[in-house]
Amino acid sequence: MAKRRKEKRIYKYECSLTGDTYQLTEKCDNPEELMSVNSWYELNPDKDDRPDDIKKKLGLQLAEKEKAQEKEENANTEN
């Protein structure tokens, strides 16, 4: 007799901040508290320990540089 393959159940959830949908193979107790990894890093930029190449792929370094330049420009115009 052939073995029967175990079916994987896939649960779809939505990020509470960005509205992105993603899939998990385990059921979550509190789906309203789930958030995507990118959303978590946006809320906690001081804890962003991802390597630079990953940040570059996501385009985060460019955004950070632009913010830093804007801060410098604002500081220069105030003086």
C-alpha atoms as a PDB file:
ATOM      1  CA  MET A   1       0.000   0.000   0.000  1.00  0.00           C
ATOM      2  CA  ALA A   2       1.228   3.492  -0.841  1.00  0.00           C
ATOM      3  CA  LYS A   3       1.774   5.996   1.931  1.00  0.00           C
ATOM      4  CA  ARG A   4      -0.564   8.864   1.974  1.00  0.00           C
ATOM      5  CA  ARG A   5       1.053  12.297   1.881  1.00  0.00           C
ATOM      6  CA  LYS A   6       0.242  14.591   4.735  1.00  0.00           C
ATOM      7  CA  GLU A   7      -1.543  17.704   3.576  1.00  0.00           C
ATOM      8  CA  LYS A   8      -0.080  21.049   4.568  1.00  0.00           C
ATOM      9  CA  ARG A   9      -2.611  23.562   5.683  1.00  0.00           C
ATOM     10  CA  ILE A  10      -1.868  27.105   4.637  1.00  0.00           C
ATOM     11  CA  TYR A  11      -3.317  30.031   6.556  1.00  0.00           C
ATOM     12  CA  LYS A  12      -3.453  33.476   4.979  1.00  0.00           C
ATOM     13  CA  TYR A  13      -2.985  36.496   7.200  1.00  0.00           C
ATOM     14  CA  GLU A  14      -2.836  40.217   6.625  1.00  0.00           C
ATOM     15  CA  CYS A  15      -0.354  42.635   8.162  1.00  0.00           C
ATOM     16  CA  SER A  16      -2.168  44.968  10.545  1.00  0.00           C
ATOM     17  CA  LEU A  17      -0.057  47.979   9.490  1.00  0.00           C
ATOM     18  CA  THR A  18       0.641  47.693   5.783  1.00  0.00           C
ATOM     19  CA  GLY A  19      -2.182  45.430   4.656  1.00  0.00           C
ATOM     20  CA  ASP A  20       0.225  43.009   2.965  1.00  0.00           C
ATOM     21  CA  THR A  21      -0.967  39.409   2.848  1.00  0.00           C
ATOM     22  CA  TYR A  22       1.287  36.484   3.611  1.00  0.00           C
ATOM     23  CA  GLN A  23       0.948  32.764   4.228  1.00  0.00           C
ATOM     24  CA  LEU A  24       1.848  30.660   7.242  1.00  0.00           C
ATOM     25  CA  THR A  25       1.704  26.918   7.760  1.00  0.00           C
ATOM     26  CA  GLU A  26       0.679  27.262  11.396  1.00  0.00           C
ATOM     27  CA  LYS A  27      -2.489  28.727  12.785  1.00  0.00           C
ATOM     28  CA  CYS A  28      -1.985  31.903  14.775  1.00  0.00           C
ATOM     29  CA  ASP A  29      -3.669  32.554  18.116  1.00  0.00           C
ATOM     30  CA  ASN A  30      -3.853  36.347  17.623  1.00  0.00           C
ATOM     31  CA  PRO A  31      -3.903  37.176  13.910  1.00  0.00           C
ATOM     32  CA  GLU A  32      -4.747  40.835  14.583  1.00  0.00           C
ATOM     33  CA  GLU A  33      -1.345  41.265  16.271  1.00  0.00           C
ATOM     34  CA  LEU A  34       0.652  39.906  13.331  1.00  0.00           C
ATOM     35  CA  MET A  35       2.846  42.217  11.291  1.00  0.00           C
ATOM     36  CA  SER A  36       5.311  41.693   8.499  1.00  0.00           C
ATOM     37  CA  VAL A  37       9.053  41.747   9.066  1.00  0.00           C
ATOM     38  CA  ASN A  38       9.444  44.979   7.122  1.00  0.00           C
ATOM     39  CA  SER A  39       6.772  46.640   9.239  1.00  0.00           C
ATOM     40  CA  TRP A  40       8.526  45.579  12.429  1.00  0.00           C
ATOM     41  CA  TYR A  41      11.816  47.034  11.211  1.00  0.00           C
ATOM     42  CA  GLU A  42      10.038  50.273  10.263  1.00  0.00           C
ATOM     43  CA  LEU A  43       8.705  50.552  13.810  1.00  0.00           C
ATOM     44  CA  ASN A  44      12.074  49.622  15.349  1.00  0.00           C
ATOM     45  CA  PRO A  45      14.816  51.120  13.146  1.00  0.00           C
ATOM     46  CA  ASP A  46      17.306  51.068  16.028  1.00  0.00           C
ATOM     47  CA  LYS A  47      17.060  47.252  16.143  1.00  0.00           C
ATOM     48  CA  ASP A  48      17.617  46.817  12.387  1.00  0.00           C
ATOM     49  CA  ASP A  49      20.524  44.363  12.321  1.00  0.00           C
ATOM     50  CA  ARG A  50      20.101  43.124   8.758  1.00  0.00           C
ATOM     51  CA  PRO A  51      23.219  42.974   6.560  1.00  0.00           C
ATOM     52  CA  ASP A  52      23.859  45.891   4.201  1.00  0.00           C
ATOM     53  CA  ASP A  53      23.282  43.835   1.064  1.00  0.00           C
ATOM     54  CA  ILE A  54      19.756  42.980   2.174  1.00  0.00           C
ATOM     55  CA  LYS A  55      19.036  46.604   3.007  1.00  0.00           C
ATOM     56  CA  LYS A  56      20.353  47.587  -0.404  1.00  0.00           C
ATOM     57  CA  LYS A  57      18.051  45.068  -2.100  1.00  0.00           C
ATOM     58  CA  LEU A  58      15.101  46.548  -0.262  1.00  0.00           C
ATOM     59  CA  GLY A  59      16.167  50.115  -1.031  1.00  0.00           C
ATOM     60  CA  LEU A  60      16.320  51.093   2.615  1.00  0.00           C
ATOM     61  CA  GLN A  61      19.767  52.662   2.525  1.00  0.00           C
ATOM     62  CA  LEU A  62      18.684  55.143  -0.098  1.00  0.00           C
ATOM     63  CA  ALA A  63      15.737  56.213   2.018  1.00  0.00           C
ATOM     64  CA  GLU A  64      17.944  56.563   5.107  1.00  0.00           C
ATOM     65  CA  LYS A  65      20.482  58.675   3.193  1.00  0.00           C
ATOM     66  CA  GLU A  66      17.721  60.925   1.882  1.00  0.00           C
ATOM     67  CA  LYS A  67      16.377  61.438   5.407  1.00  0.00           C
ATOM     68  CA  ALA A  68      19.856  62.277   6.696  1.00  0.00           C
ATOM     69  CA  GLN A  69      20.363  64.795   3.879  1.00  0.00           C
ATOM     70  CA  GLU A  70      17.018  66.419   4.623  1.00  0.00           C
ATOM     71  CA  LYS A  71      17.952  66.762   8.293  1.00  0.00           C
ATOM     72  CA  GLU A  72      21.272  68.376   7.352  1.00  0.00           C
ATOM     73  CA  GLU A  73      19.544  70.773   4.974  1.00  0.00           C
ATOM     74  CA  ASN A  74      16.975  71.726   7.609  1.00  0.00           C
ATOM     75  CA  ALA A  75      19.740  72.296  10.168  1.00  0.00           C
ATOM     76  CA  ASN A  76      21.668  74.499   7.701  1.00  0.00           C
ATOM     77  CA  THR A  77      18.613  76.609   6.824  1.00  0.00           C
ATOM     78  CA  GLU A  78      17.754  77.203  10.493  1.00  0.00           C
ATOM     79  CA  ASN A  79      21.191  78.681  11.239  1.00  0.00           C
END
